[in-house]
């Protein structure tokens, strides 16, 4: 695993960033935890990639707040291109 950032999916909508941080704190230093409100997912950044991998292996597929967690390495956000301003080649 290259990154210490994790994607956490299938969260119950009522879960808070603090609850997510507490859940992952048992696996190492939590630098950042953020639940995207109304979307059912969030992101956690651990202290290093080893801690992130341990947390992912331990928590992926486990039940939290009545839902089965889906955890994966977070991918970099891709920029969306606006087709109106894209260069066209003829």
PDB file of N, CA and C in Angstrom:
ATOM      1  N   UNK A   1       0.851  -1.171   0.000  1.00  0.00           N
ATOM      2  CA  UNK A   1       0.000   0.000   0.000  1.00  0.00           C
ATOM      3  C   UNK A   1       0.898   1.237   0.000  1.00  0.00           C
ATOM      4  N   UNK A   2       0.626   2.154  -0.904  1.00  0.00           N
ATOM      5  CA  UNK A   2       1.475   3.333  -1.062  1.00  0.00           C
ATOM      6  C   UNK A   2       1.020   4.525  -0.226  1.00  0.00           C
ATOM      7  N   UNK A   3      -0.251   4.635  -0.009  1.00  0.00           N
ATOM      8  CA  UNK A   3      -0.804   5.823   0.632  1.00  0.00           C
ATOM      9  C   UNK A   3      -1.268   5.527   2.055  1.00  0.00           C
ATOM     10  N   UNK A   4      -1.404   6.584   2.828  1.00  0.00           N
ATOM     11  CA  UNK A   4      -1.964   6.433   4.174  1.00  0.00           C
ATOM     12  C   UNK A   4      -3.411   6.922   4.213  1.00  0.00           C
ATOM     13  N   UNK A   5      -3.965   7.279   3.035  1.00  0.00           N
ATOM     14  CA  UNK A   5      -5.356   7.737   2.940  1.00  0.00           C
ATOM     15  C   UNK A   5      -6.274   6.599   2.549  1.00  0.00           C
ATOM     16  N   UNK A   6      -7.389   6.504   3.260  1.00  0.00           N
ATOM     17  CA  UNK A   6      -8.353   5.442   3.011  1.00  0.00           C
ATOM     18  C   UNK A   6      -9.715   6.018   2.655  1.00  0.00           C
ATOM     19  N   UNK A   7     -10.392   5.342   1.751  1.00  0.00           N
ATOM     20  CA  UNK A   7     -11.797   5.602   1.434  1.00  0.00           C
ATOM     21  C   UNK A   7     -12.612   4.664   2.311  1.00  0.00           C
ATOM     22  N   UNK A   8     -13.635   5.186   2.968  1.00  0.00           N
ATOM     23  CA  UNK A   8     -14.503   4.374   3.817  1.00  0.00           C
ATOM     24  C   UNK A   8     -15.924   4.519   3.287  1.00  0.00           C
ATOM     25  N   UNK A   9     -16.465   3.447   2.746  1.00  0.00           N
ATOM     26  CA  UNK A   9     -17.783   3.484   2.135  1.00  0.00           C
ATOM     27  C   UNK A   9     -18.819   2.705   2.915  1.00  0.00           C
ATOM     28  N   UNK A  10     -20.065   2.909   2.509  1.00  0.00           N
ATOM     29  CA  UNK A  10     -21.236   2.248   3.087  1.00  0.00           C
ATOM     30  C   UNK A  10     -21.471   2.665   4.540  1.00  0.00           C
ATOM     31  N   UNK A  11     -21.194   3.940   4.823  1.00  0.00           N
ATOM     32  CA  UNK A  11     -21.445   4.468   6.167  1.00  0.00           C
ATOM     33  C   UNK A  11     -22.909   4.835   6.335  1.00  0.00           C
ATOM     34  N   UNK A  12     -23.422   4.619   7.510  1.00  0.00           N
ATOM     35  CA  UNK A  12     -24.762   5.087   7.856  1.00  0.00           C
ATOM     36  C   UNK A  12     -24.722   6.615   7.852  1.00  0.00           C
ATOM     37  N   UNK A  13     -25.766   7.250   7.357  1.00  0.00           N
ATOM     38  CA  UNK A  13     -25.769   8.705   7.210  1.00  0.00           C
ATOM     39  C   UNK A  13     -25.582   9.460   8.516  1.00  0.00           C
ATOM     40  N   UNK A  14     -25.906   8.867   9.645  1.00  0.00           N
ATOM     41  CA  UNK A  14     -25.774   9.549  10.928  1.00  0.00           C
ATOM     42  C   UNK A  14     -24.382   9.492  11.537  1.00  0.00           C
ATOM     43  N   UNK A  15     -23.452   8.761  10.908  1.00  0.00           N
ATOM     44  CA  UNK A  15     -22.094   8.642  11.448  1.00  0.00           C
ATOM     45  C   UNK A  15     -21.375   9.977  11.319  1.00  0.00           C
ATOM     46  N   UNK A  16     -20.640  10.352  12.379  1.00  0.00           N
ATOM     47  CA  UNK A  16     -19.907  11.625  12.380  1.00  0.00           C
ATOM     48  C   UNK A  16     -18.420  11.385  12.104  1.00  0.00           C
ATOM     49  N   UNK A  17     -17.728  12.456  11.778  1.00  0.00           N
ATOM     50  CA  UNK A  17     -16.279  12.381  11.572  1.00  0.00           C
ATOM     51  C   UNK A  17     -15.570  11.940  12.843  1.00  0.00           C
ATOM     52  N   UNK A  18     -16.083  12.370  13.997  1.00  0.00           N
ATOM     53  CA  UNK A  18     -15.487  11.992  15.276  1.00  0.00           C
ATOM     54  C   UNK A  18     -15.619  10.493  15.520  1.00  0.00           C
ATOM     55  N   UNK A  19     -16.777   9.928  15.202  1.00  0.00           N
ATOM     56  CA  UNK A  19     -16.979   8.482  15.359  1.00  0.00           C
ATOM     57  C   UNK A  19     -16.044   7.705  14.440  1.00  0.00           C
ATOM     58  N   UNK A  20     -15.874   8.199  13.233  1.00  0.00           N
ATOM     59  CA  UNK A  20     -14.985   7.545  12.281  1.00  0.00           C
ATOM     60  C   UNK A  20     -13.541   7.594  12.791  1.00  0.00           C
ATOM     61  N   UNK A  21     -13.142   8.723  13.323  1.00  0.00           N
ATOM     62  CA  UNK A  21     -11.801   8.875  13.891  1.00  0.00           C
ATOM     63  C   UNK A  21     -11.581   7.919  15.054  1.00  0.00           C
ATOM     64  N   UNK A  22     -12.569   7.808  15.934  1.00  0.00           N
ATOM     65  CA  UNK A  22     -12.466   6.897  17.079  1.00  0.00           C
ATOM     66  C   UNK A  22     -12.336   5.445  16.626  1.00  0.00           C
ATOM     67  N   UNK A  23     -13.080   5.062  15.593  1.00  0.00           N
ATOM     68  CA  UNK A  23     -13.022   3.694  15.085  1.00  0.00           C
ATOM     69  C   UNK A  23     -11.620   3.356  14.591  1.00  0.00           C
ATOM     70  N   UNK A  24     -11.001   4.270  13.856  1.00  0.00           N
ATOM     71  CA  UNK A  24      -9.697   4.011  13.262  1.00  0.00           C
ATOM     72  C   UNK A  24      -8.549   4.232  14.248  1.00  0.00           C
ATOM     73  N   UNK A  25      -8.777   4.941  15.328  1.00  0.00           N
ATOM     74  CA  UNK A  25      -7.720   5.236  16.298  1.00  0.00           C
ATOM     75  C   UNK A  25      -7.145   3.978  16.931  1.00  0.00           C
ATOM     76  N   UNK A  26      -7.880   2.904  16.952  1.00  0.00           N
ATOM     77  CA  UNK A  26      -7.386   1.651  17.493  1.00  0.00           C
ATOM     78  C   UNK A  26      -6.310   1.005  16.636  1.00  0.00           C
ATOM     79  N   UNK A  27      -6.053   1.564  15.457  1.00  0.00           N
ATOM     80  CA  UNK A  27      -5.085   0.990  14.532  1.00  0.00           C
ATOM     81  C   UNK A  27      -3.896   1.907  14.266  1.00  0.00           C
ATOM     82  N   UNK A  28      -3.834   3.022  14.994  1.00  0.00           N
ATOM     83  CA  UNK A  28      -2.715   3.945  14.839  1.00  0.00           C
ATOM     84  C   UNK A  28      -3.165   5.388  14.909  1.00  0.00           C
ATOM     85  N   UNK A  29      -2.258   6.274  14.526  1.00  0.00           N
ATOM     86  CA  UNK A  29      -2.535   7.716  14.557  1.00  0.00           C
ATOM     87  C   UNK A  29      -3.494   8.089  13.435  1.00  0.00           C
ATOM     88  N   UNK A  30      -4.566   8.795  13.793  1.00  0.00           N
ATOM     89  CA  UNK A  30      -5.501   9.303  12.790  1.00  0.00           C
ATOM     90  C   UNK A  30      -5.180  10.777  12.592  1.00  0.00           C
ATOM     91  N   UNK A  31      -4.642  11.109  11.425  1.00  0.00           N
ATOM     92  CA  UNK A  31      -4.305  12.500  11.121  1.00  0.00           C
ATOM     93  C   UNK A  31      -5.541  13.293  10.717  1.00  0.00           C
ATOM     94  N   UNK A  32      -6.495  12.592  10.090  1.00  0.00           N
ATOM     95  CA  UNK A  32      -7.638  13.271   9.498  1.00  0.00           C
ATOM     96  C   UNK A  32      -8.753  12.255   9.300  1.00  0.00           C
ATOM     97  N   UNK A  33      -9.965  12.636   9.657  1.00  0.00           N
ATOM     98  CA  UNK A  33     -11.139  11.810   9.383  1.00  0.00           C
ATOM     99  C   UNK A  33     -12.277  12.730   8.999  1.00  0.00           C
ATOM    100  N   UNK A  34     -12.905  12.449   7.868  1.00  0.00           N
ATOM    101  CA  UNK A  34     -13.980  13.316   7.381  1.00  0.00           C
ATOM    102  C   UNK A  34     -15.075  12.472   6.761  1.00  0.00           C
ATOM    103  N   UNK A  35     -16.288  12.629   7.276  1.00  0.00           N
ATOM    104  CA  UNK A  35     -17.469  11.996   6.680  1.00  0.00           C
ATOM    105  C   UNK A  35     -18.086  13.016   5.733  1.00  0.00           C
ATOM    106  N   UNK A  36     -18.383  12.602   4.519  1.00  0.00           N
ATOM    107  CA  UNK A  36     -19.052  13.465   3.555  1.00  0.00           C
ATOM    108  C   UNK A  36     -20.547  13.349   3.837  1.00  0.00           C
ATOM    109  N   UNK A  37     -21.102  14.409   4.399  1.00  0.00           N
ATOM    110  CA  UNK A  37     -22.493  14.375   4.865  1.00  0.00           C
ATOM    111  C   UNK A  37     -23.470  14.113   3.726  1.00  0.00           C
ATOM    112  N   UNK A  38     -24.411  13.236   4.006  1.00  0.00           N
ATOM    113  CA  UNK A  38     -25.463  12.919   3.055  1.00  0.00           C
ATOM    114  C   UNK A  38     -25.017  12.042   1.894  1.00  0.00           C
ATOM    115  N   UNK A  39     -23.800  11.527   1.948  1.00  0.00           N
ATOM    116  CA  UNK A  39     -23.288  10.709   0.853  1.00  0.00           C
ATOM    117  C   UNK A  39     -23.000   9.271   1.264  1.00  0.00           C
ATOM    118  N   UNK A  40     -22.810   9.007   2.564  1.00  0.00           N
ATOM    119  CA  UNK A  40     -22.577   7.641   3.015  1.00  0.00           C
ATOM    120  C   UNK A  40     -21.150   7.156   2.854  1.00  0.00           C
ATOM    121  N   UNK A  41     -20.202   8.094   2.731  1.00  0.00           N
ATOM    122  CA  UNK A  41     -18.802   7.691   2.671  1.00  0.00           C
ATOM    123  C   UNK A  41     -17.932   8.762   3.305  1.00  0.00           C
ATOM    124  N   UNK A  42     -16.673   8.428   3.494  1.00  0.00           N
ATOM    125  CA  UNK A  42     -15.745   9.368   4.090  1.00  0.00           C
ATOM    126  C   UNK A  42     -14.314   8.971   3.796  1.00  0.00           C
ATOM    127  N   UNK A  43     -13.386   9.739   4.387  1.00  0.00           N
ATOM    128  CA  UNK A  43     -11.966   9.498   4.188  1.00  0.00           C
ATOM    129  C   UNK A  43     -11.252   9.562   5.522  1.00  0.00           C
ATOM    130  N   UNK A  44     -10.237   8.733   5.658  1.00  0.00           N
ATOM    131  CA  UNK A  44      -9.402   8.721   6.856  1.00  0.00           C
ATOM    132  C   UNK A  44      -7.950   8.726   6.405  1.00  0.00           C
ATOM    133  N   UNK A  45      -7.150   9.577   7.033  1.00  0.00           N
ATOM    134  CA  UNK A  45      -5.713   9.542   6.786  1.00  0.00           C
ATOM    135  C   UNK A  45      -5.031   9.078   8.056  1.00  0.00           C
ATOM    136  N   UNK A  46      -4.289   7.995   7.937  1.00  0.00           N
ATOM    137  CA  UNK A  46      -3.577   7.419   9.070  1.00  0.00           C
ATOM    138  C   UNK A  46      -2.158   7.992   9.128  1.00  0.00           C
ATOM    139  N   UNK A  47      -1.440   7.690  10.223  1.00  0.00           N
ATOM    140  CA  UNK A  47      -0.089   8.207  10.432  1.00  0.00           C
ATOM    141  C   UNK A  47       0.902   7.753   9.383  1.00  0.00           C
ATOM    142  N   UNK A  48       0.746   6.534   8.873  1.00  0.00           N
ATOM    143  CA  UNK A  48       1.626   6.028   7.819  1.00  0.00           C
ATOM    144  C   UNK A  48       0.898   4.931   7.047  1.00  0.00           C
ATOM    145  N   UNK A  49       1.518   4.475   5.977  1.00  0.00           N
ATOM    146  CA  UNK A  49       0.853   3.491   5.112  1.00  0.00           C
ATOM    147  C   UNK A  49       0.685   2.138   5.799  1.00  0.00           C
ATOM    148  N   UNK A  50       1.586   1.796   6.695  1.00  0.00           N
ATOM    149  CA  UNK A  50       1.464   0.525   7.412  1.00  0.00           C
ATOM    150  C   UNK A  50       0.237   0.520   8.324  1.00  0.00           C
ATOM    151  N   UNK A  51       0.024   1.619   9.038  1.00  0.00           N
ATOM    152  CA  UNK A  51      -1.168   1.732   9.893  1.00  0.00           C
ATOM    153  C   UNK A  51      -2.432   1.709   9.054  1.00  0.00           C
ATOM    154  N   UNK A  52      -2.393   2.369   7.904  1.00  0.00           N
ATOM    155  CA  UNK A  52      -3.565   2.393   7.021  1.00  0.00           C
ATOM    156  C   UNK A  52      -3.894   0.988   6.526  1.00  0.00           C
ATOM    157  N   UNK A  53      -2.858   0.252   6.149  1.00  0.00           N
ATOM    158  CA  UNK A  53      -3.078  -1.108   5.666  1.00  0.00           C
ATOM    159  C   UNK A  53      -3.637  -2.008   6.765  1.00  0.00           C
ATOM    160  N   UNK A  54      -3.105  -1.874   7.973  1.00  0.00           N
ATOM    161  CA  UNK A  54      -3.606  -2.668   9.098  1.00  0.00           C
ATOM    162  C   UNK A  54      -5.075  -2.347   9.383  1.00  0.00           C
ATOM    163  N   UNK A  55      -5.422  -1.062   9.377  1.00  0.00           N
ATOM    164  CA  UNK A  55      -6.802  -0.648   9.627  1.00  0.00           C
ATOM    165  C   UNK A  55      -7.726  -1.178   8.533  1.00  0.00           C
ATOM    166  N   UNK A  56      -7.283  -1.075   7.282  1.00  0.00           N
ATOM    167  CA  UNK A  56      -8.102  -1.544   6.164  1.00  0.00           C
ATOM    168  C   UNK A  56      -8.336  -3.052   6.272  1.00  0.00           C
ATOM    169  N   UNK A  57      -7.273  -3.803   6.547  1.00  0.00           N
ATOM    170  CA  UNK A  57      -7.403  -5.254   6.660  1.00  0.00           C
ATOM    171  C   UNK A  57      -8.315  -5.663   7.821  1.00  0.00           C
ATOM    172  N   UNK A  58      -8.251  -4.921   8.911  1.00  0.00           N
ATOM    173  CA  UNK A  58      -9.048  -5.268  10.093  1.00  0.00           C
ATOM    174  C   UNK A  58     -10.512  -4.846   9.963  1.00  0.00           C
ATOM    175  N   UNK A  59     -10.771  -3.713   9.323  1.00  0.00           N
ATOM    176  CA  UNK A  59     -12.121  -3.145   9.335  1.00  0.00           C
ATOM    177  C   UNK A  59     -12.940  -3.395   8.067  1.00  0.00           C
ATOM    178  N   UNK A  60     -12.301  -3.673   6.955  1.00  0.00           N
ATOM    179  CA  UNK A  60     -13.039  -3.902   5.713  1.00  0.00           C
ATOM    180  C   UNK A  60     -13.953  -5.115   5.877  1.00  0.00           C
ATOM    181  N   UNK A  61     -15.235  -4.925   5.609  1.00  0.00           N
ATOM    182  CA  UNK A  61     -16.211  -6.010   5.739  1.00  0.00           C
ATOM    183  C   UNK A  61     -16.803  -6.145   7.129  1.00  0.00           C
ATOM    184  N   UNK A  62     -16.308  -5.343   8.080  1.00  0.00           N
ATOM    185  CA  UNK A  62     -16.833  -5.391   9.446  1.00  0.00           C
ATOM    186  C   UNK A  62     -18.062  -4.488   9.572  1.00  0.00           C
ATOM    187  N   UNK A  63     -18.909  -4.793  10.526  1.00  0.00           N
ATOM    188  CA  UNK A  63     -20.106  -4.002  10.754  1.00  0.00           C
ATOM    189  C   UNK A  63     -19.791  -2.824  11.663  1.00  0.00           C
ATOM    190  N   UNK A  64     -20.300  -1.649  11.290  1.00  0.00           N
ATOM    191  CA  UNK A  64     -20.154  -0.430  12.083  1.00  0.00           C
ATOM    192  C   UNK A  64     -21.455   0.352  11.964  1.00  0.00           C
ATOM    193  N   UNK A  65     -22.082   0.617  13.089  1.00  0.00           N
ATOM    194  CA  UNK A  65     -23.348   1.357  13.136  1.00  0.00           C
ATOM    195  C   UNK A  65     -24.412   0.710  12.249  1.00  0.00           C
ATOM    196  N   UNK A  66     -24.408  -0.617  12.205  1.00  0.00           N
ATOM    197  CA  UNK A  66     -25.444  -1.330  11.464  1.00  0.00           C
ATOM    198  C   UNK A  66     -25.188  -1.492   9.982  1.00  0.00           C
ATOM    199  N   UNK A  67     -24.027  -1.095   9.487  1.00  0.00           N
ATOM    200  CA  UNK A  67     -23.700  -1.227   8.061  1.00  0.00           C
ATOM    201  C   UNK A  67     -22.360  -1.927   7.909  1.00  0.00           C
ATOM    202  N   UNK A  68     -22.172  -2.647   6.820  1.00  0.00           N
ATOM    203  CA  UNK A  68     -20.922  -3.339   6.535  1.00  0.00           C
ATOM    204  C   UNK A  68     -19.974  -2.384   5.817  1.00  0.00           C
ATOM    205  N   UNK A  69     -18.829  -2.104   6.440  1.00  0.00           N
ATOM    206  CA  UNK A  69     -17.873  -1.150   5.888  1.00  0.00           C
ATOM    207  C   UNK A  69     -17.192  -1.678   4.630  1.00  0.00           C
ATOM    208  N   UNK A  70     -16.958  -0.770   3.699  1.00  0.00           N
ATOM    209  CA  UNK A  70     -16.191  -1.051   2.491  1.00  0.00           C
ATOM    210  C   UNK A  70     -15.018  -0.073   2.506  1.00  0.00           C
ATOM    211  N   UNK A  71     -13.811  -0.600   2.696  1.00  0.00           N
ATOM    212  CA  UNK A  71     -12.633   0.248   2.850  1.00  0.00           C
ATOM    213  C   UNK A  71     -11.623  -0.087   1.768  1.00  0.00           C
ATOM    214  N   UNK A  72     -11.060   0.959   1.173  1.00  0.00           N
ATOM    215  CA  UNK A  72     -10.061   0.793   0.127  1.00  0.00           C
ATOM    216  C   UNK A  72      -9.087   1.965   0.197  1.00  0.00           C
ATOM    217  N   UNK A  73      -7.968   1.825  -0.480  1.00  0.00           N
ATOM    218  CA  UNK A  73      -7.016   2.923  -0.566  1.00  0.00           C
ATOM    219  C   UNK A  73      -7.668   4.050  -1.364  1.00  0.00           C
ATOM    220  N   UNK A  74      -7.586   5.270  -0.837  1.00  0.00           N
ATOM    221  CA  UNK A  74      -8.187   6.415  -1.523  1.00  0.00           C
ATOM    222  C   UNK A  74      -7.397   6.735  -2.780  1.00  0.00           C
ATOM    223  N   UNK A  75      -8.100   6.972  -3.848  1.00  0.00           N
ATOM    224  CA  UNK A  75      -7.472   7.342  -5.112  1.00  0.00           C
ATOM    225  C   UNK A  75      -7.410   8.863  -5.212  1.00  0.00           C
ATOM    226  N   UNK A  76      -6.405   9.394  -5.885  1.00  0.00           N
ATOM    227  CA  UNK A  76      -6.360  10.850  -6.070  1.00  0.00           C
ATOM    228  C   UNK A  76      -7.583  11.322  -6.842  1.00  0.00           C
ATOM    229  N   UNK A  77      -8.070  12.464  -6.468  1.00  0.00           N
ATOM    230  CA  UNK A  77      -9.252  13.016  -7.127  1.00  0.00           C
ATOM    231  C   UNK A  77      -8.890  13.481  -8.524  1.00  0.00           C
ATOM    232  N   UNK A  78      -9.665  13.035  -9.497  1.00  0.00           N
ATOM    233  CA  UNK A  78      -9.415  13.426 -10.876  1.00  0.00           C
ATOM    234  C   UNK A  78     -10.173  14.705 -11.187  1.00  0.00           C
ATOM    235  N   UNK A  79      -9.502  15.573 -11.899  1.00  0.00           N
ATOM    236  CA  UNK A  79     -10.143  16.830 -12.294  1.00  0.00           C
ATOM    237  C   UNK A  79     -11.089  16.561 -13.453  1.00  0.00           C
ATOM    238  N   UNK A  80     -12.258  17.144 -13.371  1.00  0.00           N
ATOM    239  CA  UNK A  80     -13.221  17.015 -14.459  1.00  0.00           C
ATOM    240  C   UNK A  80     -12.929  18.088 -15.494  1.00  0.00           C
ATOM    241  N   UNK A  81     -12.967  17.680 -16.714  1.00  0.00           N
ATOM    242  CA  UNK A  81     -12.738  18.640 -17.790  1.00  0.00           C
ATOM    243  C   UNK A  81     -14.070  19.206 -18.238  1.00  0.00           C
ATOM    244  N   UNK A  82     -14.083  20.475 -18.442  1.00  0.00           N
ATOM    245  CA  UNK A  82     -15.271  21.140 -18.958  1.00  0.00           C
ATOM    246  C   UNK A  82     -15.204  21.065 -20.481  1.00  0.00           C
ATOM    247  N   UNK A  83     -16.115  20.304 -21.111  1.00  0.00           N
ATOM    248  CA  UNK A  83     -16.036  20.142 -22.560  1.00  0.00           C
ATOM    249  C   UNK A  83     -16.199  21.459 -23.320  1.00  0.00           C
ATOM    250  N   UNK A  84     -16.805  22.413 -22.696  1.00  0.00           N
ATOM    251  CA  UNK A  84     -17.012  23.706 -23.329  1.00  0.00           C
ATOM    252  C   UNK A  84     -15.677  24.407 -23.577  1.00  0.00           C
ATOM    253  N   UNK A  85     -14.697  24.140 -22.726  1.00  0.00           N
ATOM    254  CA  UNK A  85     -13.417  24.816 -22.836  1.00  0.00           C
ATOM    255  C   UNK A  85     -12.295  23.885 -23.272  1.00  0.00           C
ATOM    256  N   UNK A  86     -12.631  22.678 -23.665  1.00  0.00           N
ATOM    257  CA  UNK A  86     -11.575  21.749 -24.084  1.00  0.00           C
ATOM    258  C   UNK A  86     -11.113  22.074 -25.500  1.00  0.00           C
ATOM    259  N   UNK A  87      -9.890  21.685 -25.755  1.00  0.00           N
ATOM    260  CA  UNK A  87      -9.318  21.933 -27.073  1.00  0.00           C
ATOM    261  C   UNK A  87      -9.781  20.828 -28.023  1.00  0.00           C
ATOM    262  N   UNK A  88     -10.270  21.224 -29.148  1.00  0.00           N
ATOM    263  CA  UNK A  88     -10.711  20.255 -30.152  1.00  0.00           C
ATOM    264  C   UNK A  88      -9.678  20.179 -31.254  1.00  0.00           C
ATOM    265  N   UNK A  89      -9.418  18.978 -31.697  1.00  0.00           N
ATOM    266  CA  UNK A  89      -8.504  18.803 -32.817  1.00  0.00           C
ATOM    267  C   UNK A  89      -9.318  18.371 -34.023  1.00  0.00           C
ATOM    268  N   UNK A  90      -9.060  19.013 -35.131  1.00  0.00           N
ATOM    269  CA  UNK A  90      -9.814  18.710 -36.364  1.00  0.00           C
ATOM    270  C   UNK A  90      -8.940  18.023 -37.363  1.00  0.00           C
TER     271      UNK A  90
END
